[in-house]
Amino acid sequence: VDTAPRLAQWRIDTLSSSTYRKSDPFPIGIWNWFLSVERKQQLHIRLYPENCNLTRERPPVASFVIRVVCSSGTRRTLVHPGVCDKQLKTDDFIWVIDSVFAGKFIIDVEFIDLKVVPAAGGDPTSIWSGDAITTRSSSTALASLSRMLTDAINTDITIHASDGTIPAHRAVLASRSPVFLSMFSHSLRESSLSTVHIPDMSSASCRAFLDYVYGSLAPDDFFQHRLDLLRAADKYDVADLREVCEESLVQDVGAGNVLERLQCAHLYGLPRLKAACMRCLVGFGKVFDIRDEFAGFLQVADRELVGEVFHEILAAW
């Protein structure tokens, strides 16, 4: 099958009676397609996508025009009325033609549009609508932003962590954090000296925080520095990082970390994390498995938090 970005042509030299033929797969859009033709008393033409995981998960919603052109003798063309926004699987499109073609003929398909239903649901969207351009643009911009940090391109401020320094950019920090924006907009020491001191973070944790701000934080670094990132997100009012940290910490609450996570939840006002910790301690009875640790926790924890824990225990009893 000869193809162009939205066109496909299948040339058939001869087709005897009671014959079935199937084309090789051909790519249009993000799918591989097949054409098949069967001659009995009538001509049956099918167009369908390849049966694979992609088709099952994201079946194409197609609009197309299909023609049969007899190329032997007097050129004759039959045109299907057209298909508009039809979801195609194996046998969803069959064109039955009464006319008999002798000799060579061509099956010609012009795809007007191909759409997919978004994973989150809703109306189908075109794969040719420009979403790919937007995705590529965003990806390139993030890569460039990350390189600005990694290669220290035109940096204008220095972050002093507890054990090292990292050059950064005022504009990027100010755009991601209201605290940094306020800091750089007033006649503070950081504004005049072009430095920011973060003594409560190591250079590794501070670098992870900056990587997140610049859009290049690796998953392993995120998991390694989650608690430090949560503290930085709270201190510098980076709301999206705060939400990501809470969601991640909720997912692996267990007997070995529940008391530490509970104190973090109370300190930073994280209701989902606090509820998950209470459920682990009381609902699942882990408080009985960590009696020594819990006794130590009662000696040092905030009195309000201790009261909440006992309220949960009494409610359960």
C-alpha atoms as a PDB file:
ATOM      1  CA  VAL A   1       0.000   0.000   0.000  1.00  0.00           C
ATOM      2  CA  ASP A   2       1.408   3.385  -1.005  1.00  0.00           C
ATOM      3  CA  THR A   3       0.906   6.034   1.653  1.00  0.00           C
ATOM      4  CA  ALA A   4       1.243   9.747   2.239  1.00  0.00           C
ATOM      5  CA  PRO A   5       0.467  11.504   5.571  1.00  0.00           C
ATOM      6  CA  ARG A   6      -3.325  11.161   5.062  1.00  0.00           C
ATOM      7  CA  LEU A   7      -3.588   9.078   1.911  1.00  0.00           C
ATOM      8  CA  ALA A   8      -3.400   5.377   1.115  1.00  0.00           C
ATOM      9  CA  GLN A   9      -3.671   3.561  -2.240  1.00  0.00           C
ATOM     10  CA  TRP A  10      -3.830  -0.173  -2.742  1.00  0.00           C
ATOM     11  CA  ARG A  11      -3.334  -1.323  -6.345  1.00  0.00           C
ATOM     12  CA  ILE A  12      -4.805  -4.694  -7.266  1.00  0.00           C
ATOM     13  CA  ASP A  13      -3.836  -6.216 -10.632  1.00  0.00           C
ATOM     14  CA  THR A  14      -6.432  -8.972 -10.827  1.00  0.00           C
ATOM     15  CA  LEU A  15      -9.143 -10.364  -8.610  1.00  0.00           C
ATOM     16  CA  SER A  16     -10.896 -13.532  -9.661  1.00  0.00           C
ATOM     17  CA  SER A  17     -14.275 -14.630  -8.344  1.00  0.00           C
ATOM     18  CA  SER A  18     -14.548 -16.060  -4.828  1.00  0.00           C
ATOM     19  CA  THR A  19     -11.248 -14.439  -3.848  1.00  0.00           C
ATOM     20  CA  TYR A  20     -10.136 -12.784  -0.616  1.00  0.00           C
ATOM     21  CA  ARG A  21      -7.100 -10.549  -0.274  1.00  0.00           C
ATOM     22  CA  LYS A  22      -5.663  -8.568   2.587  1.00  0.00           C
ATOM     23  CA  SER A  23      -3.114  -5.793   2.288  1.00  0.00           C
ATOM     24  CA  ASP A  24       0.116  -5.440   4.192  1.00  0.00           C
ATOM     25  CA  PRO A  25      -0.172  -3.118   7.210  1.00  0.00           C
ATOM     26  CA  PHE A  26       0.289   0.558   6.436  1.00  0.00           C
ATOM     27  CA  PRO A  27       0.770   3.448   8.891  1.00  0.00           C
ATOM     28  CA  ILE A  28      -1.599   6.405   9.015  1.00  0.00           C
ATOM     29  CA  GLY A  29      -1.533   8.562  12.139  1.00  0.00           C
ATOM     30  CA  ILE A  30      -0.504   6.539  15.206  1.00  0.00           C
ATOM     31  CA  TRP A  31      -2.065   3.257  14.013  1.00  0.00           C
ATOM     32  CA  ASN A  32      -1.282   0.557  11.483  1.00  0.00           C
ATOM     33  CA  TRP A  33      -4.171  -0.166   9.108  1.00  0.00           C
ATOM     34  CA  PHE A  34      -5.327  -2.922   6.782  1.00  0.00           C
ATOM     35  CA  LEU A  35      -7.474  -3.005   3.678  1.00  0.00           C
ATOM     36  CA  SER A  36      -9.120  -6.209   2.541  1.00  0.00           C
ATOM     37  CA  VAL A  37     -11.224  -7.068  -0.485  1.00  0.00           C
ATOM     38  CA  GLU A  38     -13.446 -10.103  -1.094  1.00  0.00           C
ATOM     39  CA  ARG A  39     -15.262 -10.934  -4.309  1.00  0.00           C
ATOM     40  CA  LYS A  40     -18.292 -13.171  -4.311  1.00  0.00           C
ATOM     41  CA  GLN A  41     -21.444 -12.049  -6.059  1.00  0.00           C
ATOM     42  CA  GLN A  42     -20.550  -8.605  -4.764  1.00  0.00           C
ATOM     43  CA  LEU A  43     -17.364  -6.798  -3.834  1.00  0.00           C
ATOM     44  CA  HIS A  44     -16.735  -6.390  -0.086  1.00  0.00           C
ATOM     45  CA  ILE A  45     -14.125  -3.825   0.959  1.00  0.00           C
ATOM     46  CA  ARG A  46     -13.033  -3.441   4.561  1.00  0.00           C
ATOM     47  CA  LEU A  47     -10.846  -0.832   6.274  1.00  0.00           C
ATOM     48  CA  TYR A  48      -9.746  -1.441   9.851  1.00  0.00           C
ATOM     49  CA  PRO A  49      -6.883  -0.749  12.279  1.00  0.00           C
ATOM     50  CA  GLU A  50      -4.467  -3.428  13.413  1.00  0.00           C
ATOM     51  CA  ASN A  51      -5.713  -5.392  16.419  1.00  0.00           C
ATOM     52  CA  CYS A  52      -3.208  -4.469  19.133  1.00  0.00           C
ATOM     53  CA  ASN A  53      -3.004  -2.883  22.589  1.00  0.00           C
ATOM     54  CA  LEU A  54      -2.921   0.616  21.115  1.00  0.00           C
ATOM     55  CA  THR A  55      -6.139   0.025  19.181  1.00  0.00           C
ATOM     56  CA  ARG A  56      -7.875  -1.502  22.187  1.00  0.00           C
ATOM     57  CA  GLU A  57      -6.800   1.308  24.503  1.00  0.00           C
ATOM     58  CA  ARG A  58      -7.135   4.179  22.013  1.00  0.00           C
ATOM     59  CA  PRO A  59      -9.417   3.077  19.149  1.00  0.00           C
ATOM     60  CA  PRO A  60      -9.392   5.549  16.256  1.00  0.00           C
ATOM     61  CA  VAL A  61     -12.406   7.739  15.550  1.00  0.00           C
ATOM     62  CA  ALA A  62     -12.090   8.222  11.797  1.00  0.00           C
ATOM     63  CA  SER A  63     -13.483  10.483   9.108  1.00  0.00           C
ATOM     64  CA  PHE A  64     -12.498   9.436   5.604  1.00  0.00           C
ATOM     65  CA  VAL A  65     -13.465   9.145   1.955  1.00  0.00           C
ATOM     66  CA  ILE A  66     -12.875   5.864   0.146  1.00  0.00           C
ATOM     67  CA  ARG A  67     -12.981   5.294  -3.627  1.00  0.00           C
ATOM     68  CA  VAL A  68     -12.575   2.411  -6.023  1.00  0.00           C
ATOM     69  CA  VAL A  69     -10.989   3.375  -9.329  1.00  0.00           C
ATOM     70  CA  CYS A  70     -10.995   0.980 -12.280  1.00  0.00           C
ATOM     71  CA  SER A  71      -7.722   1.613 -14.123  1.00  0.00           C
ATOM     72  CA  SER A  72      -8.310  -0.789 -17.028  1.00  0.00           C
ATOM     73  CA  GLY A  73     -10.007   0.451 -20.204  1.00  0.00           C
ATOM     74  CA  THR A  74     -12.441   3.265 -19.543  1.00  0.00           C
ATOM     75  CA  ARG A  75     -11.511   4.787 -16.189  1.00  0.00           C
ATOM     76  CA  ARG A  76     -14.432   4.445 -13.805  1.00  0.00           C
ATOM     77  CA  THR A  77     -14.692   5.641 -10.195  1.00  0.00           C
ATOM     78  CA  LEU A  78     -17.060   4.674  -7.417  1.00  0.00           C
ATOM     79  CA  VAL A  79     -17.059   6.895  -4.321  1.00  0.00           C
ATOM     80  CA  HIS A  80     -18.419   5.903  -0.934  1.00  0.00           C
ATOM     81  CA  PRO A  81     -20.725   8.570   0.578  1.00  0.00           C
ATOM     82  CA  GLY A  82     -18.093   9.112   3.253  1.00  0.00           C
ATOM     83  CA  VAL A  83     -17.579   8.227   6.899  1.00  0.00           C
ATOM     84  CA  CYS A  84     -17.601  10.877   9.644  1.00  0.00           C
ATOM     85  CA  ASP A  85     -16.356  10.379  13.226  1.00  0.00           C
ATOM     86  CA  LYS A  86     -16.826   6.617  13.242  1.00  0.00           C
ATOM     87  CA  GLN A  87     -14.939   4.543  15.790  1.00  0.00           C
ATOM     88  CA  LEU A  88     -13.249   1.729  13.906  1.00  0.00           C
ATOM     89  CA  LYS A  89     -12.315  -1.741  15.046  1.00  0.00           C
ATOM     90  CA  THR A  90     -12.165  -4.979  13.048  1.00  0.00           C
ATOM     91  CA  ASP A  91     -15.526  -5.074  11.248  1.00  0.00           C
ATOM     92  CA  ASP A  92     -16.850  -1.572  11.808  1.00  0.00           C
ATOM     93  CA  PHE A  93     -16.513  -0.519   8.166  1.00  0.00           C
ATOM     94  CA  ILE A  94     -17.585  -2.736   5.263  1.00  0.00           C
ATOM     95  CA  TRP A  95     -18.413  -1.302   1.845  1.00  0.00           C
ATOM     96  CA  VAL A  96     -20.494  -3.641  -0.322  1.00  0.00           C
ATOM     97  CA  ILE A  97     -20.353  -2.839  -4.060  1.00  0.00           C
ATOM     98  CA  ASP A  98     -22.667  -4.446  -6.627  1.00  0.00           C
ATOM     99  CA  SER A  99     -20.531  -3.435  -9.620  1.00  0.00           C
ATOM    100  CA  VAL A 100     -18.004  -5.911 -10.972  1.00  0.00           C
ATOM    101  CA  PHE A 101     -14.523  -4.655 -11.802  1.00  0.00           C
ATOM    102  CA  ALA A 102     -12.486  -6.449 -14.429  1.00  0.00           C
ATOM    103  CA  GLY A 103      -8.702  -6.149 -14.529  1.00  0.00           C
ATOM    104  CA  LYS A 104      -6.726  -3.666 -12.517  1.00  0.00           C
ATOM    105  CA  PHE A 105      -8.291  -1.366  -9.967  1.00  0.00           C
ATOM    106  CA  ILE A 106      -7.236   0.882  -7.083  1.00  0.00           C
ATOM    107  CA  ILE A 107      -8.711   1.300  -3.628  1.00  0.00           C
ATOM    108  CA  ASP A 108      -8.025   4.884  -2.559  1.00  0.00           C
ATOM    109  CA  VAL A 109      -8.529   6.178   1.011  1.00  0.00           C
ATOM    110  CA  GLU A 110      -8.244   9.804   2.072  1.00  0.00           C
ATOM    111  CA  PHE A 111      -8.338  10.335   5.841  1.00  0.00           C
ATOM    112  CA  ILE A 112     -10.031  13.648   6.615  1.00  0.00           C
ATOM    113  CA  ASP A 113      -9.412  13.345  10.355  1.00  0.00           C
ATOM    114  CA  LEU A 114      -8.366  10.839  13.000  1.00  0.00           C
ATOM    115  CA  LYS A 115      -9.355  11.345  16.630  1.00  0.00           C
ATOM    116  CA  VAL A 116      -8.913   9.609  19.976  1.00  0.00           C
ATOM    117  CA  VAL A 117     -10.929   9.795  23.166  1.00  0.00           C
ATOM    118  CA  PRO A 118      -8.800  11.317  25.965  1.00  0.00           C
ATOM    119  CA  ALA A 119      -7.802   8.926  28.761  1.00  0.00           C
ATOM    120  CA  ALA A 120      -9.734  11.082  31.224  1.00  0.00           C
ATOM    121  CA  GLY A 121     -12.862  10.886  29.052  1.00  0.00           C
ATOM    122  CA  GLY A 122     -14.693  13.569  27.140  1.00  0.00           C
ATOM    123  CA  ASP A 123     -15.036  14.347  23.452  1.00  0.00           C
ATOM    124  CA  PRO A 124     -12.583  12.851  20.930  1.00  0.00           C
ATOM    125  CA  THR A 125      -9.694  15.107  19.947  1.00  0.00           C
ATOM    126  CA  SER A 126      -7.840  15.132  16.644  1.00  0.00           C
ATOM    127  CA  ILE A 127      -4.328  13.685  16.546  1.00  0.00           C
ATOM    128  CA  TRP A 128      -3.565  16.358  13.948  1.00  0.00           C
ATOM    129  CA  SER A 129      -4.898  19.301  15.972  1.00  0.00           C
ATOM    130  CA  GLY A 130      -1.514  20.598  17.085  1.00  0.00           C
ATOM    131  CA  ASP A 131      -1.369  18.850  20.462  1.00  0.00           C
ATOM    132  CA  ALA A 132       1.885  17.212  19.394  1.00  0.00           C
ATOM    133  CA  ILE A 133       3.365  20.643  18.686  1.00  0.00           C
ATOM    134  CA  THR A 134       2.327  21.866  22.122  1.00  0.00           C
ATOM    135  CA  THR A 135       3.794  18.751  23.767  1.00  0.00           C
ATOM    136  CA  ARG A 136       7.073  19.097  21.898  1.00  0.00           C
ATOM    137  CA  SER A 137       7.276  22.795  22.685  1.00  0.00           C
ATOM    138  CA  SER A 138       6.719  22.145  26.396  1.00  0.00           C
ATOM    139  CA  SER A 139       9.283  19.349  26.421  1.00  0.00           C
ATOM    140  CA  THR A 140      11.893  21.509  24.673  1.00  0.00           C
ATOM    141  CA  ALA A 141      11.228  24.450  26.996  1.00  0.00           C
ATOM    142  CA  LEU A 142      11.667  22.262  30.093  1.00  0.00           C
ATOM    143  CA  ALA A 143      14.901  20.811  28.708  1.00  0.00           C
ATOM    144  CA  SER A 144      16.226  24.314  28.057  1.00  0.00           C
ATOM    145  CA  LEU A 145      15.195  25.475  31.532  1.00  0.00           C
ATOM    146  CA  SER A 146      16.945  22.488  33.075  1.00  0.00           C
ATOM    147  CA  ARG A 147      20.111  23.239  31.096  1.00  0.00           C
ATOM    148  CA  MET A 148      20.056  26.825  32.402  1.00  0.00           C
ATOM    149  CA  LEU A 149      20.414  25.396  35.915  1.00  0.00           C
ATOM    150  CA  THR A 150      22.777  22.535  35.094  1.00  0.00           C
ATOM    151  CA  ASP A 151      25.170  24.643  32.997  1.00  0.00           C
ATOM    152  CA  ALA A 152      24.711  27.813  35.097  1.00  0.00           C
ATOM    153  CA  ILE A 153      23.700  29.853  32.031  1.00  0.00           C
ATOM    154  CA  ASN A 154      23.465  33.575  32.878  1.00  0.00           C
ATOM    155  CA  THR A 155      22.806  32.931  36.565  1.00  0.00           C
ATOM    156  CA  ASP A 156      22.290  36.014  38.730  1.00  0.00           C
ATOM    157  CA  ILE A 157      21.892  34.657  42.252  1.00  0.00           C
ATOM    158  CA  THR A 158      23.652  32.106  44.478  1.00  0.00           C
ATOM    159  CA  ILE A 159      21.893  29.707  46.833  1.00  0.00           C
ATOM    160  CA  HIS A 160      23.936  28.952  49.974  1.00  0.00           C
ATOM    161  CA  ALA A 161      22.940  25.578  51.438  1.00  0.00           C
ATOM    162  CA  SER A 162      24.398  24.109  54.621  1.00  0.00           C
ATOM    163  CA  ASP A 163      27.319  22.487  52.788  1.00  0.00           C
ATOM    164  CA  GLY A 164      27.675  24.180  49.433  1.00  0.00           C
ATOM    165  CA  THR A 165      26.429  26.732  46.912  1.00  0.00           C
ATOM    166  CA  ILE A 166      24.302  26.495  43.768  1.00  0.00           C
ATOM    167  CA  PRO A 167      23.923  29.271  41.155  1.00  0.00           C
ATOM    168  CA  ALA A 168      20.360  29.986  40.028  1.00  0.00           C
ATOM    169  CA  HIS A 169      18.104  32.595  38.404  1.00  0.00           C
ATOM    170  CA  ARG A 170      15.989  35.184  40.195  1.00  0.00           C
ATOM    171  CA  ALA A 171      13.258  35.228  37.557  1.00  0.00           C
ATOM    172  CA  VAL A 172      12.725  31.456  37.668  1.00  0.00           C
ATOM    173  CA  LEU A 173      12.604  31.334  41.464  1.00  0.00           C
ATOM    174  CA  ALA A 174      10.281  34.346  41.642  1.00  0.00           C
ATOM    175  CA  SER A 175       7.917  32.851  39.049  1.00  0.00           C
ATOM    176  CA  ARG A 176       7.560  29.612  41.049  1.00  0.00           C
ATOM    177  CA  SER A 177       7.465  30.932  44.615  1.00  0.00           C
ATOM    178  CA  PRO A 178       5.548  33.903  46.076  1.00  0.00           C
ATOM    179  CA  VAL A 179       8.118  34.012  48.876  1.00  0.00           C
ATOM    180  CA  PHE A 180      11.024  34.416  46.453  1.00  0.00           C
ATOM    181  CA  LEU A 181       9.012  36.968  44.471  1.00  0.00           C
ATOM    182  CA  SER A 182       8.509  39.055  47.592  1.00  0.00           C
ATOM    183  CA  MET A 183      12.122  38.561  48.617  1.00  0.00           C
ATOM    184  CA  PHE A 184      13.512  39.859  45.323  1.00  0.00           C
ATOM    185  CA  SER A 185      11.030  42.717  45.074  1.00  0.00           C
ATOM    186  CA  HIS A 186      12.113  44.517  48.233  1.00  0.00           C
ATOM    187  CA  SER A 187      15.331  45.976  49.545  1.00  0.00           C
ATOM    188  CA  LEU A 188      16.314  42.900  51.496  1.00  0.00           C
ATOM    189  CA  ARG A 189      19.797  41.521  51.942  1.00  0.00           C
ATOM    190  CA  GLU A 190      19.132  38.859  49.292  1.00  0.00           C
ATOM    191  CA  SER A 191      18.221  41.579  46.810  1.00  0.00           C
ATOM    192  CA  SER A 192      21.377  43.626  47.355  1.00  0.00           C
ATOM    193  CA  LEU A 193      23.877  40.784  47.730  1.00  0.00           C
ATOM    194  CA  SER A 194      22.331  38.430  45.146  1.00  0.00           C
ATOM    195  CA  THR A 195      22.403  35.533  47.596  1.00  0.00           C
ATOM    196  CA  VAL A 196      19.867  33.375  49.377  1.00  0.00           C
ATOM    197  CA  HIS A 197      20.823  31.433  52.503  1.00  0.00           C
ATOM    198  CA  ILE A 198      19.037  28.120  53.141  1.00  0.00           C
ATOM    199  CA  PRO A 199      21.011  26.728  56.090  1.00  0.00           C
ATOM    200  CA  ASP A 200      18.412  24.082  56.962  1.00  0.00           C
ATOM    201  CA  MET A 201      18.965  22.166  53.686  1.00  0.00           C
ATOM    202  CA  SER A 202      21.956  20.219  52.416  1.00  0.00           C
ATOM    203  CA  SER A 203      23.222  21.037  48.949  1.00  0.00           C
ATOM    204  CA  ALA A 204      21.807  17.706  47.697  1.00  0.00           C
ATOM    205  CA  SER A 205      18.331  18.471  49.036  1.00  0.00           C
ATOM    206  CA  CYS A 206      18.558  22.069  47.845  1.00  0.00           C
ATOM    207  CA  ARG A 207      19.552  20.840  44.378  1.00  0.00           C
ATOM    208  CA  ALA A 208      16.551  18.502  44.349  1.00  0.00           C
ATOM    209  CA  PHE A 209      14.323  21.448  45.269  1.00  0.00           C
ATOM    210  CA  LEU A 210      15.776  23.562  42.459  1.00  0.00           C
ATOM    211  CA  ASP A 211      15.471  20.664  40.015  1.00  0.00           C
ATOM    212  CA  TYR A 212      11.755  20.523  40.817  1.00  0.00           C
ATOM    213  CA  VAL A 213      11.393  24.281  40.389  1.00  0.00           C
ATOM    214  CA  TYR A 214      13.156  24.046  37.005  1.00  0.00           C
ATOM    215  CA  GLY A 215      11.102  21.009  35.935  1.00  0.00           C
ATOM    216  CA  SER A 216      13.862  18.390  35.850  1.00  0.00           C
ATOM    217  CA  LEU A 217      13.649  16.470  39.150  1.00  0.00           C
ATOM    218  CA  ALA A 218      14.368  12.752  38.726  1.00  0.00           C
ATOM    219  CA  PRO A 219      12.007  10.282  40.497  1.00  0.00           C
ATOM    220  CA  ASP A 220      14.831   8.721  42.543  1.00  0.00           C
ATOM    221  CA  ASP A 221      15.945  12.125  43.819  1.00  0.00           C
ATOM    222  CA  PHE A 222      12.363  12.997  44.693  1.00  0.00           C
ATOM    223  CA  PHE A 223      11.912   9.882  46.838  1.00  0.00           C
ATOM    224  CA  GLN A 224      15.285  10.374  48.507  1.00  0.00           C
ATOM    225  CA  HIS A 225      14.542  13.981  49.541  1.00  0.00           C
ATOM    226  CA  ARG A 226      10.753  13.953  50.032  1.00  0.00           C
ATOM    227  CA  LEU A 227      10.736  15.289  53.585  1.00  0.00           C
ATOM    228  CA  ASP A 228      13.233  18.049  52.802  1.00  0.00           C
ATOM    229  CA  LEU A 229      11.224  18.936  49.709  1.00  0.00           C
ATOM    230  CA  LEU A 230       8.062  19.132  51.786  1.00  0.00           C
ATOM    231  CA  ARG A 231       9.778  21.500  54.205  1.00  0.00           C
ATOM    232  CA  ALA A 232      11.023  23.688  51.349  1.00  0.00           C
ATOM    233  CA  ALA A 233       7.602  23.648  49.661  1.00  0.00           C
ATOM    234  CA  ASP A 234       6.008  24.864  52.883  1.00  0.00           C
ATOM    235  CA  LYS A 235       8.694  27.485  53.568  1.00  0.00           C
ATOM    236  CA  TYR A 236       8.667  28.956  50.049  1.00  0.00           C
ATOM    237  CA  ASP A 237       4.958  28.383  49.317  1.00  0.00           C
ATOM    238  CA  VAL A 238       5.368  26.091  46.315  1.00  0.00           C
ATOM    239  CA  ALA A 239       1.854  24.672  46.486  1.00  0.00           C
ATOM    240  CA  ASP A 240       2.153  22.051  43.748  1.00  0.00           C
ATOM    241  CA  LEU A 241       5.287  20.528  45.309  1.00  0.00           C
ATOM    242  CA  ARG A 242       3.539  20.444  48.681  1.00  0.00           C
ATOM    243  CA  GLU A 243       0.627  18.499  47.155  1.00  0.00           C
ATOM    244  CA  VAL A 244       2.939  16.074  45.349  1.00  0.00           C
ATOM    245  CA  CYS A 245       4.890  15.377  48.530  1.00  0.00           C
ATOM    246  CA  GLU A 246       1.728  14.766  50.572  1.00  0.00           C
ATOM    247  CA  GLU A 247       0.325  12.411  47.941  1.00  0.00           C
ATOM    248  CA  SER A 248       3.587  10.454  47.823  1.00  0.00           C
ATOM    249  CA  LEU A 249       3.961  10.236  51.604  1.00  0.00           C
ATOM    250  CA  VAL A 250       0.386   8.954  51.956  1.00  0.00           C
ATOM    251  CA  GLN A 251       1.126   6.036  49.639  1.00  0.00           C
ATOM    252  CA  ASP A 252       3.707   4.299  51.836  1.00  0.00           C
ATOM    253  CA  VAL A 253       2.637   4.998  55.418  1.00  0.00           C
ATOM    254  CA  GLY A 254       3.541   1.999  57.584  1.00  0.00           C
ATOM    255  CA  ALA A 255       4.473   0.999  61.121  1.00  0.00           C
ATOM    256  CA  GLY A 256       8.108   1.978  60.551  1.00  0.00           C
ATOM    257  CA  ASN A 257       7.399   5.596  59.615  1.00  0.00           C
ATOM    258  CA  VAL A 258       3.871   6.394  60.808  1.00  0.00           C
ATOM    259  CA  LEU A 259       4.909   8.496  63.810  1.00  0.00           C
ATOM    260  CA  GLU A 260       7.353  10.592  61.788  1.00  0.00           C
ATOM    261  CA  ARG A 261       4.766  11.086  59.051  1.00  0.00           C
ATOM    262  CA  LEU A 262       2.110  11.998  61.635  1.00  0.00           C
ATOM    263  CA  GLN A 263       4.287  14.755  63.049  1.00  0.00           C
ATOM    264  CA  CYS A 264       5.006  16.055  59.523  1.00  0.00           C
ATOM    265  CA  ALA A 265       1.300  16.079  58.752  1.00  0.00           C
ATOM    266  CA  HIS A 266       0.569  18.039  61.922  1.00  0.00           C
ATOM    267  CA  LEU A 267       3.461  20.468  61.437  1.00  0.00           C
ATOM    268  CA  TYR A 268       2.656  21.314  57.805  1.00  0.00           C
ATOM    269  CA  GLY A 269      -1.136  21.014  58.003  1.00  0.00           C
ATOM    270  CA  LEU A 270      -1.578  18.004  55.685  1.00  0.00           C
ATOM    271  CA  PRO A 271      -5.047  16.535  56.350  1.00  0.00           C
ATOM    272  CA  ARG A 272      -4.839  13.550  53.991  1.00  0.00           C
ATOM    273  CA  LEU A 273      -1.493  12.445  55.401  1.00  0.00           C
ATOM    274  CA  LYS A 274      -2.741  12.873  58.968  1.00  0.00           C
ATOM    275  CA  ALA A 275      -5.863  10.808  58.226  1.00  0.00           C
ATOM    276  CA  ALA A 276      -3.743   8.048  56.645  1.00  0.00           C
ATOM    277  CA  CYS A 277      -1.454   7.957  59.707  1.00  0.00           C
ATOM    278  CA  MET A 278      -4.367   7.837  62.149  1.00  0.00           C
ATOM    279  CA  ARG A 279      -5.937   5.010  60.188  1.00  0.00           C
ATOM    280  CA  CYS A 280      -2.645   3.087  60.240  1.00  0.00           C
ATOM    281  CA  LEU A 281      -2.099   3.638  63.965  1.00  0.00           C
ATOM    282  CA  VAL A 282      -5.639   3.095  65.187  1.00  0.00           C
ATOM    283  CA  GLY A 283      -7.727   1.544  62.444  1.00  0.00           C
ATOM    284  CA  PHE A 284      -5.122  -1.111  61.675  1.00  0.00           C
ATOM    285  CA  GLY A 285      -3.901  -1.349  65.280  1.00  0.00           C
ATOM    286  CA  LYS A 286      -0.229  -0.587  64.506  1.00  0.00           C
ATOM    287  CA  VAL A 287      -0.033   1.374  67.757  1.00  0.00           C
ATOM    288  CA  PHE A 288       0.238  -2.007  69.541  1.00  0.00           C
ATOM    289  CA  ASP A 289       3.189  -3.042  67.331  1.00  0.00           C
ATOM    290  CA  ILE A 290       5.254   0.054  68.137  1.00  0.00           C
ATOM    291  CA  ARG A 291       4.538   0.525  71.849  1.00  0.00           C
ATOM    292  CA  ASP A 292       8.052   1.668  72.774  1.00  0.00           C
ATOM    293  CA  GLU A 293       8.246   4.136  69.904  1.00  0.00           C
ATOM    294  CA  PHE A 294       4.748   5.384  70.694  1.00  0.00           C
ATOM    295  CA  ALA A 295       5.694   5.973  74.341  1.00  0.00           C
ATOM    296  CA  GLY A 296       8.631   8.085  73.196  1.00  0.00           C
ATOM    297  CA  PHE A 297       6.385   9.941  70.761  1.00  0.00           C
ATOM    298  CA  LEU A 298       4.011  10.886  73.620  1.00  0.00           C
ATOM    299  CA  GLN A 299       6.905  12.504  75.514  1.00  0.00           C
ATOM    300  CA  VAL A 300       7.986  14.859  72.721  1.00  0.00           C
ATOM    301  CA  ALA A 301       5.010  15.393  70.411  1.00  0.00           C
ATOM    302  CA  ASP A 302       2.871  18.519  70.348  1.00  0.00           C
ATOM    303  CA  ARG A 303       0.180  18.327  73.032  1.00  0.00           C
ATOM    304  CA  GLU A 304      -2.571  19.109  70.549  1.00  0.00           C
ATOM    305  CA  LEU A 305      -1.442  16.241  68.326  1.00  0.00           C
ATOM    306  CA  VAL A 306      -1.270  13.841  71.285  1.00  0.00           C
ATOM    307  CA  GLY A 307      -4.831  14.828  72.142  1.00  0.00           C
ATOM    308  CA  GLU A 308      -5.967  14.063  68.593  1.00  0.00           C
ATOM    309  CA  VAL A 309      -4.336  10.626  68.743  1.00  0.00           C
ATOM    310  CA  PHE A 310      -6.025   9.742  72.018  1.00  0.00           C
ATOM    311  CA  HIS A 311      -9.327  10.998  70.681  1.00  0.00           C
ATOM    312  CA  GLU A 312      -8.984   8.576  67.756  1.00  0.00           C
ATOM    313  CA  ILE A 313      -8.052   5.713  70.073  1.00  0.00           C
ATOM    314  CA  LEU A 314     -10.970   6.353  72.418  1.00  0.00           C
ATOM    315  CA  ALA A 315     -13.367   6.658  69.470  1.00  0.00           C
ATOM    316  CA  ALA A 316     -12.165   3.303  68.155  1.00  0.00           C
ATOM    317  CA  TRP A 317     -12.510   1.631  71.590  1.00  0.00           C
END
